[in-house]
Protein backbone atom coordinates (compact mmCIF):
# COMPACT_ATOMS: atom_id res chain seq x y z
CA MET A 1 65.44 96.25 86.84
CA LYS A 2 68.31 98.74 86.64
CA LEU A 3 71.85 98.08 85.50
CA ALA A 4 74.36 99.30 88.10
CA VAL A 5 78.01 98.84 88.99
CA TRP A 6 77.03 98.34 92.65
CA THR A 7 73.72 97.15 94.02
CA TYR A 8 72.42 97.12 97.60
CA GLU A 9 70.35 93.96 97.12
CA GLY A 10 70.64 90.96 94.85
CA PRO A 11 67.68 89.38 93.02
CA PRO A 12 65.05 87.56 95.14
CA HIS A 13 66.54 84.09 94.56
CA VAL A 14 69.62 85.24 96.53
CA GLY A 15 67.29 85.98 99.45
CA ALA A 16 65.87 82.47 99.10
CA MET A 17 69.41 81.08 99.15
CA ARG A 18 70.16 82.97 102.38
CA VAL A 19 67.19 81.28 104.10
CA VAL A 20 67.85 77.77 102.80
CA THR A 21 71.61 77.99 103.44
CA ALA A 22 70.89 78.95 107.06
CA MET A 23 68.75 75.84 107.59
CA LYS A 24 69.60 72.17 108.07
CA ASP A 25 68.39 69.25 105.94
CA THR A 26 66.89 71.61 103.35
CA HIS A 27 67.89 71.91 99.70
CA TYR A 28 67.17 74.51 97.02
CA VAL A 29 66.89 73.54 93.36
CA LEU A 30 67.29 76.67 91.27
CA HIS A 31 66.37 76.74 87.60
CA ALA A 32 69.16 78.98 86.32
CA PRO A 33 71.66 79.40 83.46
CA GLN A 34 75.39 78.85 83.90
CA GLY A 35 76.24 82.43 84.93
CA ASP A 36 73.84 82.55 87.90
CA THR A 37 75.97 80.19 89.98
CA TYR A 38 78.03 83.21 91.13
CA ALA A 39 75.89 83.38 94.29
CA ASP A 40 77.93 80.58 95.90
CA LEU A 41 80.82 83.00 96.31
CA LEU A 42 78.76 85.29 98.54
CA PHE A 43 78.66 82.60 101.21
CA THR A 44 82.12 81.04 100.87
CA MET A 45 84.02 84.33 100.40
CA ILE A 46 82.15 86.88 102.53
CA GLU A 47 80.66 84.65 105.24
CA ARG A 48 83.63 82.26 105.05
CA LYS A 49 81.46 79.16 105.34
CA ASP A 50 83.31 75.85 105.29
CA ALA A 51 80.80 74.31 102.86
CA ARG A 52 79.09 75.50 99.72
CA PRO A 53 75.38 76.43 99.94
CA PRO A 54 72.84 73.56 99.64
CA VAL A 55 71.80 74.64 96.16
CA THR A 56 71.59 72.66 92.93
CA TYR A 57 71.49 74.63 89.68
CA THR A 58 70.11 73.32 86.42
CA THR A 59 72.79 75.43 84.64
CA PHE A 60 71.13 75.31 81.25
CA LYS A 61 73.12 76.69 78.31
CA ALA A 62 72.06 78.75 75.30
CA ARG A 63 71.80 75.65 73.12
CA ASP A 64 69.41 74.04 75.65
CA LEU A 65 66.80 76.72 75.00
CA GLY A 66 65.89 75.03 71.75
CA SER A 67 65.19 71.73 73.53
CA ASP A 68 63.37 70.69 76.72
CA THR A 69 64.63 72.81 79.63
CA ALA A 70 61.76 71.47 81.77
CA GLU A 71 63.28 68.00 81.58
CA LEU A 72 66.62 69.45 82.73
CA PHE A 73 64.89 70.84 85.81
CA LYS A 74 63.18 67.56 86.69
CA GLN A 75 66.45 65.71 86.32
CA ALA A 76 68.18 68.23 88.61
CA CYS A 77 65.45 67.72 91.26
CA LYS A 78 65.83 63.93 91.19
CA GLU A 79 69.61 64.11 91.39
CA ALA A 80 69.49 66.59 94.27
CA TYR A 81 67.14 64.37 96.25
CA ASP A 82 69.16 61.20 95.57
CA ARG A 83 72.48 62.84 96.45
CA PHE A 84 71.61 65.03 99.46
CA SER A 85 68.51 63.31 100.95
CA PRO A 86 66.94 66.57 102.21
CA LYS A 87 63.90 66.62 104.51
CA ALA A 88 62.39 69.41 102.37
CA LEU A 89 63.04 70.65 98.85
CA VAL A 90 62.62 74.32 97.90
CA VAL A 91 62.30 74.97 94.16
CA GLY A 92 62.34 78.16 92.12
CA ALA A 93 63.76 80.06 89.16
CA SER A 94 66.39 82.76 88.81
CA CYS A 95 65.64 86.04 87.03
CA THR A 96 66.87 84.62 83.69
CA ALA A 97 65.02 81.30 84.00
CA GLU A 98 61.80 83.12 84.92
CA LEU A 99 61.60 84.31 81.31
CA ILE A 100 61.26 80.79 79.89
CA GLN A 101 58.27 79.99 82.18
CA ASP A 102 58.97 76.35 82.93
CA ASP A 103 56.96 76.35 86.23
CA PRO A 104 59.47 74.74 88.65
CA GLY A 105 56.77 74.26 91.31
CA GLY A 106 54.50 72.25 89.04
CA LEU A 107 57.37 70.21 87.63
CA ALA A 108 58.66 69.32 91.11
CA GLU A 109 55.18 68.38 92.33
CA ALA A 110 54.74 66.05 89.37
CA LEU A 111 57.83 64.10 90.48
CA ALA A 112 55.99 63.07 93.70
CA LEU A 113 59.17 63.03 95.78
CA PRO A 114 58.73 61.61 99.33
CA VAL A 115 59.53 64.96 101.02
CA PRO A 116 57.66 68.29 101.13
CA THR A 117 58.28 70.39 98.03
CA ILE A 118 58.01 74.14 98.55
CA PRO A 119 57.58 76.15 95.32
CA LEU A 120 58.64 79.80 95.22
CA GLU A 121 57.06 82.42 92.98
CA LEU A 122 59.52 85.30 93.24
CA PRO A 123 58.99 88.18 90.76
CA SER A 124 62.63 88.82 89.89
CA TYR A 125 62.02 91.97 87.89
CA GLN A 126 59.82 93.71 90.48
CA ARG A 127 61.30 92.60 93.81
CA LYS A 128 64.69 92.16 95.45
CA GLU A 129 66.72 90.05 97.87
CA ASN A 130 65.01 90.91 101.18
CA TYR A 131 61.60 90.22 99.69
CA GLY A 132 62.93 86.87 98.45
CA ALA A 133 64.14 85.97 101.94
CA SER A 134 60.84 87.03 103.54
CA GLU A 135 58.68 85.16 101.04
CA THR A 136 60.82 82.02 101.23
CA PHE A 137 60.69 81.90 105.03
CA TYR A 138 56.94 82.53 104.99
CA GLN A 139 56.32 79.73 102.47
CA ILE A 140 58.46 77.31 104.52
CA ILE A 141 56.52 78.18 107.71
CA LYS A 142 53.17 78.04 105.93
CA THR A 143 53.94 74.61 104.42
CA LEU A 144 55.66 72.91 107.36
CA ALA A 145 54.42 74.43 110.64
CA LYS A 146 51.85 72.44 112.64
CA PRO A 147 49.96 73.34 115.84
CA ALA A 148 51.44 71.93 119.05
CA SER A 149 50.91 72.09 122.80
CA LYS A 150 52.74 74.98 124.45
CA THR A 151 55.82 74.31 126.58
CA ASP A 152 55.29 74.18 130.36
CA LYS A 153 57.74 77.03 130.94
CA ILE A 154 57.30 80.28 129.01
CA SER A 155 59.32 80.05 125.80
CA CYS A 156 59.74 81.88 122.52
CA ASN A 157 61.00 81.42 118.98
CA ILE A 158 63.65 83.79 117.61
CA LEU A 159 62.73 84.43 113.98
CA GLY A 160 64.59 86.15 111.16
CA PRO A 161 68.33 85.31 111.29
CA THR A 162 69.68 84.00 107.99
CA ALA A 163 72.97 83.21 106.32
CA LEU A 164 74.82 86.29 105.05
CA GLY A 165 72.95 88.53 107.50
CA PHE A 166 74.72 91.44 109.19
CA ARG A 167 75.97 89.97 112.52
CA HIS A 168 72.96 87.58 112.67
CA ARG A 169 75.00 84.73 114.13
CA ASP A 170 76.21 86.80 117.09
CA ASP A 171 72.91 88.63 117.56
CA VAL A 172 71.18 85.29 118.14
CA THR A 173 73.74 84.29 120.79
CA GLU A 174 73.34 87.62 122.59
CA ILE A 175 69.51 87.65 122.52
CA GLU A 176 69.38 84.04 123.71
CA ARG A 177 71.48 85.13 126.67
CA VAL A 178 69.31 88.18 127.39
CA LEU A 179 66.18 86.00 127.28
CA LEU A 180 67.63 83.25 129.49
CA GLU A 181 68.71 85.87 132.02
CA SER A 182 65.05 86.92 132.10
CA GLY A 183 63.83 83.38 132.73
CA ILE A 184 62.52 82.74 129.20
CA ASP A 185 63.50 79.61 127.28
CA VAL A 186 64.33 79.75 123.59
CA ASN A 187 62.22 77.06 121.93
CA LEU A 188 63.55 77.46 118.37
CA VAL A 189 65.71 79.77 116.25
CA ALA A 190 64.67 79.90 112.58
CA PRO A 191 65.57 79.88 109.81
CA MET A 192 69.17 79.81 111.11
CA GLY A 193 69.97 76.33 112.41
CA ALA A 194 66.42 74.96 112.06
CA SER A 195 65.49 71.81 110.17
CA PRO A 196 62.15 71.09 108.47
CA ASP A 197 61.35 68.68 111.34
CA ASP A 198 62.02 71.46 113.88
CA ILE A 199 59.58 73.76 112.13
CA THR A 200 56.94 71.04 111.88
CA LYS A 201 57.19 69.78 115.46
CA LYS A 202 58.55 72.68 117.53
CA ILE A 203 57.58 76.11 116.22
CA GLY A 204 54.00 75.85 117.49
CA LYS A 205 55.14 75.09 121.07
CA ALA A 206 56.39 78.60 121.85
CA HIS A 207 54.25 81.15 123.71
CA PHE A 208 55.42 84.06 121.56
CA ASN A 209 57.86 84.98 118.79
CA VAL A 210 60.78 87.39 118.82
CA MET A 211 60.88 89.18 115.47
CA LEU A 212 64.58 89.94 115.27
CA TYR A 213 64.70 91.14 111.66
CA PRO A 214 61.39 92.38 110.16
CA GLU A 215 62.83 92.28 106.61
CA VAL A 216 62.88 88.47 106.85
CA ALA A 217 60.44 87.52 109.61
CA GLU A 218 57.49 89.94 109.68
CA THR A 219 55.28 88.10 107.17
CA ALA A 220 55.90 84.76 108.94
CA CYS A 221 55.26 86.36 112.36
CA ARG A 222 51.90 87.71 111.20
CA PHE A 223 50.95 84.27 109.87
CA LEU A 224 51.89 82.57 113.17
CA GLU A 225 49.99 85.20 115.17
CA LYS A 226 46.86 84.58 113.12
CA GLU A 227 47.06 80.78 112.81
CA PHE A 228 48.79 79.75 116.06
CA ARG A 229 47.86 82.71 118.29
CA GLN A 230 51.49 83.53 118.94
CA PRO A 231 52.03 87.26 119.56
CA TYR A 232 55.34 88.72 118.40
CA THR A 233 57.64 91.51 119.54
CA LYS A 234 57.79 94.75 117.56
CA ASN A 235 60.81 96.36 119.30
CA ILE A 236 64.15 95.41 117.76
CA PRO A 237 66.73 95.08 120.60
CA ILE A 238 69.57 97.06 119.00
CA GLY A 239 70.80 99.85 121.27
CA ILE A 240 70.39 100.46 125.01
CA GLY A 241 66.95 102.08 124.87
CA SER A 242 65.56 99.60 122.32
CA THR A 243 66.81 96.60 124.34
CA ALA A 244 65.10 97.97 127.47
CA ASP A 245 61.87 98.52 125.47
CA PHE A 246 62.17 95.00 124.05
CA LEU A 247 62.30 93.52 127.58
CA ALA A 248 59.38 95.67 128.72
CA GLU A 249 57.38 94.46 125.72
CA ILE A 250 58.14 90.83 126.62
CA SER A 251 56.96 91.53 130.16
CA ASN A 252 53.65 92.81 128.74
CA ILE A 253 53.25 89.81 126.41
CA THR A 254 54.06 87.15 129.01
CA GLY A 255 52.77 88.80 132.17
CA LEU A 256 56.13 88.22 133.83
CA ASP A 257 57.06 90.94 136.32
CA LYS A 258 60.57 89.69 137.04
CA ILE A 259 62.15 90.48 133.68
CA ASN A 260 65.90 90.97 134.14
CA PHE A 261 66.95 94.54 133.30
CA ASP A 262 70.44 93.98 134.70
CA LYS A 263 72.91 96.10 132.71
CA THR A 264 76.12 94.98 134.40
CA ARG A 265 77.45 93.76 131.06
CA LEU A 266 76.81 97.19 129.53
CA ARG A 267 79.91 99.37 129.37
CA ALA A 268 78.86 101.92 126.73
CA ASP A 269 76.59 104.04 128.92
CA TRP A 270 79.52 105.52 130.89
CA TRP A 271 80.04 107.68 127.81
CA SER A 272 77.19 110.08 128.52
CA ARG A 273 78.61 110.70 131.99
CA SER A 274 82.20 111.23 130.85
CA ILE A 275 83.93 114.49 129.99
CA ASP A 276 85.16 112.87 126.75
CA SER A 277 81.61 112.79 125.39
CA THR A 278 81.63 116.57 124.93
CA TYR A 279 84.00 116.20 121.97
CA PHE A 280 81.43 114.16 120.06
CA THR A 281 78.20 115.85 121.19
CA GLY A 282 76.43 117.38 118.21
CA LYS A 283 78.53 115.55 115.58
CA GLN A 284 76.57 115.45 112.33
CA VAL A 285 75.82 111.95 110.99
CA PHE A 286 74.25 110.56 107.82
CA ILE A 287 72.57 107.14 108.17
CA PHE A 288 71.72 104.78 105.30
CA GLY A 289 71.12 101.01 105.07
CA ASP A 290 68.33 98.48 105.57
CA ALA A 291 65.30 99.87 107.40
CA THR A 292 65.77 97.91 110.64
CA HIS A 293 69.34 99.05 111.21
CA VAL A 294 68.58 102.61 110.09
CA LYS A 295 65.69 102.97 112.57
CA THR A 296 67.69 101.60 115.49
CA SER A 297 70.80 103.58 114.51
CA VAL A 298 68.86 106.86 114.38
CA ARG A 299 67.69 106.31 117.95
CA ILE A 300 71.17 105.38 119.19
CA ALA A 301 72.77 108.36 117.42
CA LYS A 302 70.21 110.85 118.70
CA GLU A 303 69.44 109.60 122.22
CA GLU A 304 72.50 107.64 123.30
CA MET A 305 75.45 109.28 121.53
CA GLY A 306 74.26 112.89 121.35
CA PHE A 307 74.84 113.10 117.58
CA GLU A 308 72.80 115.23 115.20
CA VAL A 309 71.20 113.21 112.39
CA VAL A 310 71.38 115.39 109.25
CA GLY A 311 70.27 112.78 106.70
CA LEU A 312 68.83 109.27 106.55
CA GLY A 313 67.40 106.76 104.14
CA CYS A 314 67.02 103.10 103.21
CA TYR A 315 67.24 100.97 100.09
CA ASN A 316 64.42 98.45 100.74
CA ARG A 317 61.25 100.05 99.42
CA GLU A 318 58.98 97.68 101.39
CA PHE A 319 59.81 99.80 104.47
CA ALA A 320 59.83 103.21 102.77
CA ARG A 321 56.77 104.43 104.69
CA ASP A 322 58.42 103.74 108.07
CA ILE A 323 61.63 105.55 107.11
CA ARG A 324 59.77 108.51 105.62
CA SER A 325 57.77 108.80 108.85
CA LEU A 326 60.99 108.67 110.89
CA GLY A 327 62.51 111.39 108.71
CA LYS A 328 59.41 113.55 109.15
CA ASP A 329 59.76 113.27 112.95
CA LEU A 330 63.33 114.58 112.62
CA GLY A 331 62.35 117.36 110.21
CA LEU A 332 64.24 115.63 107.37
CA GLU A 333 63.32 114.25 103.97
CA SER A 334 64.23 110.56 103.90
CA LEU A 335 66.13 109.22 100.90
CA ILE A 336 64.55 106.01 99.54
CA THR A 337 66.74 104.73 96.72
CA GLU A 338 68.65 101.77 95.33
CA ASP A 339 71.06 104.08 93.49
CA TYR A 340 74.35 104.55 95.35
CA LEU A 341 75.10 107.64 93.22
CA GLU A 342 72.07 109.38 94.74
CA VAL A 343 73.35 108.47 98.20
CA GLU A 344 76.83 109.78 97.33
CA SER A 345 75.33 113.05 96.09
CA ALA A 346 73.33 113.48 99.31
CA ILE A 347 76.42 112.84 101.45
CA GLN A 348 78.51 115.24 99.37
CA ASN A 349 75.92 117.99 99.77
CA LEU A 350 75.45 117.47 103.52
CA GLN A 351 79.15 116.94 104.37
CA PRO A 352 78.46 115.04 107.63
CA GLU A 353 81.24 114.31 110.09
CA LEU A 354 80.37 110.59 110.23
CA ILE A 355 78.58 108.18 107.88
CA LEU A 356 76.72 105.15 109.24
CA GLY A 357 75.95 102.90 106.29
CA THR A 358 76.77 99.83 104.24
CA GLN A 359 79.90 98.75 102.41
CA MET A 360 78.78 101.13 99.63
CA GLU A 361 78.91 104.12 101.99
CA ARG A 362 82.31 102.97 103.24
CA HIS A 363 83.64 103.40 99.68
CA ILE A 364 81.85 106.75 99.34
CA GLY A 365 83.34 107.92 102.65
CA LYS A 366 86.84 106.99 101.54
CA ARG A 367 86.44 108.99 98.35
CA LEU A 368 85.08 112.03 100.20
CA GLY A 369 87.43 111.76 103.18
CA ILE A 370 84.57 111.23 105.67
CA PRO A 371 84.79 108.54 108.40
CA CYS A 372 82.30 105.68 108.05
CA ALA A 373 81.10 102.82 110.26
CA VAL A 374 79.23 99.89 108.67
CA ILE A 375 75.83 99.23 110.32
CA SER A 376 73.97 97.17 107.72
CA ALA A 377 74.20 94.73 104.82
CA PRO A 378 75.59 94.71 102.18
CA PHE A 379 78.93 94.28 103.89
CA HIS A 380 82.34 92.90 103.04
CA VAL A 381 84.40 90.23 104.78
CA GLN A 382 85.93 92.61 107.35
CA ASP A 383 82.44 93.23 108.74
CA HIS A 384 81.81 89.52 109.28
CA PRO A 385 84.45 89.04 111.99
CA ALA A 386 85.46 85.67 113.40
CA ARG A 387 85.22 87.14 116.93
CA TYR A 388 81.98 87.60 118.86
CA SER A 389 80.65 90.95 117.68
CA PRO A 390 76.84 91.33 117.97
CA GLN A 391 74.74 94.43 117.30
CA ALA A 392 71.79 93.35 119.48
CA GLY A 393 71.41 93.33 123.25
CA TRP A 394 73.71 94.76 125.91
CA GLU A 395 76.93 93.49 124.37
CA GLY A 396 75.72 94.77 121.00
CA ALA A 397 75.47 98.27 122.52
CA ASN A 398 79.13 97.97 123.59
CA VAL A 399 80.18 96.87 120.09
CA ILE A 400 78.21 99.67 118.41
CA PHE A 401 79.80 102.24 120.73
CA ASP A 402 83.31 101.07 119.82
CA THR A 403 82.49 100.84 116.11
CA TRP A 404 81.03 104.35 115.85
CA VAL A 405 83.46 106.20 118.09
CA HIS A 406 86.60 104.59 116.63
CA PRO A 407 86.59 106.45 113.25
CA LEU A 408 85.93 109.77 115.02
CA VAL A 409 88.71 109.19 117.55
CA MET A 410 91.05 108.27 114.71
CA GLY A 411 89.96 111.46 112.98
CA LEU A 412 90.94 113.50 116.05
CA GLU A 413 94.25 111.64 116.27
CA GLU A 414 94.93 112.33 112.60
CA HIS A 415 94.18 116.03 113.13
CA LEU A 416 96.72 116.18 115.97
CA LEU A 417 99.28 114.46 113.74
CA ASN A 418 98.59 117.06 111.04
CA MET A 419 99.03 119.88 113.55
CA PHE A 420 102.49 118.60 114.47
CA ARG A 421 103.44 117.26 111.04
CA GLU A 422 106.40 119.69 110.76
CA ASP A 423 108.00 118.18 113.88
CA PHE A 424 110.94 115.88 113.17
CA GLU A 425 109.22 112.87 114.80
CA PHE A 426 106.48 112.77 112.16
CA ASN A 427 106.68 111.71 108.55
CA ASP A 428 104.43 113.76 106.31
CA GLY A 429 104.49 111.02 103.68
CA ALA A 430 102.78 108.52 105.99
CA GLY A 431 99.10 108.10 105.18
CA PRO A 432 96.16 108.28 107.61
CA SER A 433 96.67 105.38 110.01
CA HIS A 434 92.97 104.47 110.17
CA LEU A 435 92.34 104.44 106.41
CA ALA A 436 95.10 102.48 104.81
CA SER A 437 96.74 99.14 104.51
CA HIS A 438 98.54 100.69 101.55
CA GLY A 439 101.99 102.15 101.20
CA ASN A 440 102.97 105.81 101.38
CA GLN A 441 103.69 106.03 97.69
CA SER A 442 100.23 104.92 96.59
CA LEU A 443 98.62 107.29 99.10
CA LYS A 444 100.73 110.18 97.85
CA GLY A 445 99.77 109.37 94.28
CA SER A 446 96.11 109.20 95.24
CA GLU A 447 96.31 112.60 96.99
CA GLU A 448 98.12 114.15 94.02
CA ASN A 449 95.48 112.86 91.59
CA SER A 450 92.71 114.23 93.81
CA THR A 451 94.49 117.62 94.13
CA ASN A 452 95.11 117.85 90.38
CA GLU A 453 91.46 117.14 89.63
CA HIS A 454 90.41 119.84 92.10
CA LEU A 455 92.86 122.38 90.61
CA GLN A 456 91.48 121.74 87.12
CA ASP A 457 88.00 122.28 88.55
CA LEU A 458 89.04 125.60 90.07
CA LYS A 459 90.58 126.79 86.77
CA LYS A 460 87.27 126.18 85.05
CA GLN A 461 85.57 128.27 87.75
CA ASP A 462 88.31 130.96 87.56
CA LEU A 463 89.17 130.51 91.27
CA VAL A 464 92.64 130.49 92.87
CA TRP A 465 93.72 129.71 96.46
CA GLU A 466 96.51 131.94 97.74
CA LYS A 467 99.37 130.23 99.61
CA ASP A 468 98.51 131.71 103.02
CA ALA A 469 94.89 130.54 102.66
CA GLU A 470 96.03 127.00 101.75
CA LEU A 471 98.28 126.90 104.83
CA GLU A 472 95.45 128.12 107.05
CA LEU A 473 93.08 125.53 105.54
CA LYS A 474 95.48 122.73 106.54
CA LYS A 475 94.98 123.66 110.20
CA ILE A 476 91.33 122.61 109.96
CA PRO A 477 90.74 118.92 110.91
CA PHE A 478 90.90 116.81 107.75
CA PHE A 479 87.49 115.25 108.34
CA VAL A 480 85.76 118.66 107.97
CA ARG A 481 88.37 120.29 105.71
CA GLY A 482 86.48 119.36 102.56
CA LYS A 483 83.35 121.09 103.80
CA ALA A 484 85.34 124.22 104.79
CA ARG A 485 86.97 124.30 101.33
CA ARG A 486 83.66 123.97 99.51
CA ASN A 487 81.94 126.57 101.70
CA THR A 488 84.78 129.04 101.11
CA GLU A 489 84.72 128.48 97.35
CA ASN A 490 80.94 128.91 97.24
CA PHE A 491 81.25 132.10 99.33
CA ALA A 492 83.97 133.45 97.00
CA LYS A 493 81.84 132.79 93.91
CA GLU A 494 78.83 134.50 95.49
CA LYS A 495 80.96 137.56 96.31
CA GLY A 496 82.67 137.61 92.91
CA VAL A 497 86.10 136.96 94.46
CA ASN A 498 88.55 135.11 92.19
CA SER A 499 91.53 134.91 94.55
CA ILE A 500 90.86 133.24 97.92
CA SER A 501 93.00 134.74 100.67
CA ARG A 502 93.31 133.97 104.37
CA GLU A 503 90.81 136.79 105.01
CA THR A 504 88.32 135.24 102.54
CA LEU A 505 88.55 131.95 104.44
CA TYR A 506 87.64 133.63 107.75
CA GLU A 507 84.90 135.74 106.15
CA ALA A 508 83.35 132.57 104.77
CA LYS A 509 83.61 130.93 108.20
CA ALA A 510 81.80 133.89 109.80
CA HIS A 511 79.18 133.90 107.05
CA TYR A 512 78.26 130.19 107.47
CA ALA A 513 78.39 130.41 111.28
CA ARG A 514 75.44 132.82 111.37
């Protein structure tokens, strides 16, 4: 375990909470000290749920450690059952409670409650949130699922969507629509919206499973394939090409020839045929997030948007092999890390024109002056919109197109504003329109602080920018200006030049253009 200001994933019990919170008639009893109840805020603040998660905490205190904490847990289980009447009870320990080794599974089983009790053994100091979600869903399926006769019409289960997932709610709606348009019924969605009774009575009826998010569903899908002979899809339908491959895969699984490939709802593919696309062709992008969204985003960026991927990586080590293999195919070394400072360093060195990442990379992009679009959890409230905004399917391709192009278009607009900033219509004190909900004064102060820090840096390096060079630098679009400045300074240092003139700027440009 590593202490960090920011972290991409929470501990595994947060993953368990995401699964249980997504379900109906299920309750989670978590053996945890007082401070671990913070997780409730993730759901009520970021996902804006109208009810708190179905979780009961033992909330033991320091003074309880000298007495019987096991009895506290048993009491919490009884009270949770009496108050909420769940159809299944999931029990486990937080990272802190794991140290006192009270065995929540054994204690809950000894109570002989009249509902299934599902114990979780989540190694909090070796694993993280996505593992916790995957293991919890697998244990629920393994405990509750029963064989059943298949439905008369070809049907499937959609597996993987959870609470606090990146656009999971809307992805499910979109994929249900895509499947229904292809003549395939959706038998069950789980864990989102499923009850223990649904999993017991319905999950076995489907002919195949749609694995929407491997981070959560792959282990359960493998179990159902082995035990219930339900094949599962491997293509994740995010992006135009991946959605088409997903439908072709379903055709192979089901033997249906009349799969609907109708793209009339798709409006993003006009881009490749438009003259406007030439402005963005070859734009350099850095992609980082969970493995599923990174893999699909790399394909969209490369094949559908005409971008050049200059860096990629993921934070969930369970999928490190896949991302390293993807990087190798692109001639890149993939970054597998949970340390946002390593990610920031990679972005700073590469100076891409667009970042596709998480909320972490959004902050990094703001600091470095590089546009960013969020493609993956962790995300903040603005990336859990109230409106319909999927990532999957045909409509998801439209949303992704808008989301990615918007920061680049705003960058072009800002460059035009900078070009004409001396005109009387424009106010030089106004901040970038696409970056701020802050006032001009705070932006000005922020810019001054940044400039002062850079000037102090230059003094240490014995470098000075002449006035004509500074004026010329301002003509370069702001979203690549930082890279031009750094390249010029590096060139000047290599050549032993202490005073950077307009000529030095153009010499550096010619040097790096070779």
